[in-house]
C-alpha cells in the first residue's frame, strides 16, 4: 500500500476520534482534581499550622 491509499479501517478512526477526545478531556479533569484533593489533604494532615497561617495572610 502506498501513501495515497487509505486503509480499510480509516473511516472507523474518524468515527471514534470525537468520543476519545471527550474521554481524554474528562480523564484529565478527574486526574487534576484527584491530585489537588490528595495534596490538600496531605498538607493539612502533615502541617495544619501552615494552612492556618496561609488563611490569615489572605484575609
Protein backbone atom coordinates (compact mmCIF):
# COMPACT_ATOMS: atom_id res chain seq x y z
CA UNK A 1 0.00 0.00 0.00
CA UNK A 2 1.44 3.39 -0.91
CA UNK A 3 0.85 6.71 0.84
CA UNK A 4 -2.07 7.68 -1.39
CA UNK A 5 -4.26 4.74 -0.40
CA UNK A 6 -6.33 4.70 2.76
CA UNK A 7 -6.59 1.55 4.81
CA UNK A 8 -9.85 -0.32 5.31
CA UNK A 9 -10.18 0.90 8.91
CA UNK A 10 -9.64 4.59 8.13
CA UNK A 11 -13.37 5.51 8.42
CA UNK A 12 -13.55 3.78 11.81
CA UNK A 13 -10.74 6.00 13.08
CA UNK A 14 -12.70 9.10 12.09
CA UNK A 15 -15.76 7.72 13.86
CA UNK A 16 -14.00 7.13 17.20
CA UNK A 17 -11.87 10.29 17.38
CA UNK A 18 -14.52 12.71 18.74
CA UNK A 19 -15.58 10.33 21.51
CA UNK A 20 -11.98 9.67 22.51
CA UNK A 21 -11.35 13.41 22.73
CA UNK A 22 -14.15 13.82 25.25
CA UNK A 23 -12.96 10.85 27.29
CA UNK A 24 -9.40 12.20 27.41
CA UNK A 25 -10.62 15.64 28.49
CA UNK A 26 -12.74 14.25 31.31
CA UNK A 27 -9.92 11.95 32.41
CA UNK A 28 -7.51 14.89 32.62
CA UNK A 29 -10.02 16.87 34.70
CA UNK A 30 -10.51 13.95 37.09
CA UNK A 31 -6.75 13.44 37.45
CA UNK A 32 -6.18 17.13 38.21
CA UNK A 33 -9.00 17.13 40.77
CA UNK A 34 -7.63 13.97 42.41
CA UNK A 35 -4.13 15.46 42.65
CA UNK A 36 -5.46 18.65 44.22
CA UNK A 37 -7.59 16.71 46.71
CA UNK A 38 -4.69 14.44 47.65
CA UNK A 39 -2.21 17.26 48.07
CA UNK A 40 -4.55 19.42 50.10
CA UNK A 41 -5.46 16.56 52.43
CA UNK A 42 -1.80 15.52 52.75
CA UNK A 43 -0.63 19.05 53.60
CA UNK A 44 -3.47 19.53 56.05
CA UNK A 45 -2.62 16.29 57.86
CA UNK A 46 1.12 16.93 57.97
CA UNK A 47 1.21 20.68 58.66
CA UNK A 48 -2.13 22.14 59.76
CA UNK A 49 -0.45 25.30 61.09
CA UNK A 50 0.74 26.23 57.56
CA UNK A 51 -2.84 26.22 56.29
CA UNK A 52 -3.87 28.43 59.19
CA UNK A 53 -1.07 30.94 58.52
CA UNK A 54 -1.89 30.97 54.80
CA UNK A 55 -5.56 31.62 55.57
CA UNK A 56 -4.71 34.55 57.86
CA UNK A 57 -2.40 36.15 55.26
CA UNK A 58 -5.12 36.03 52.61
CA UNK A 59 -7.65 37.89 54.78
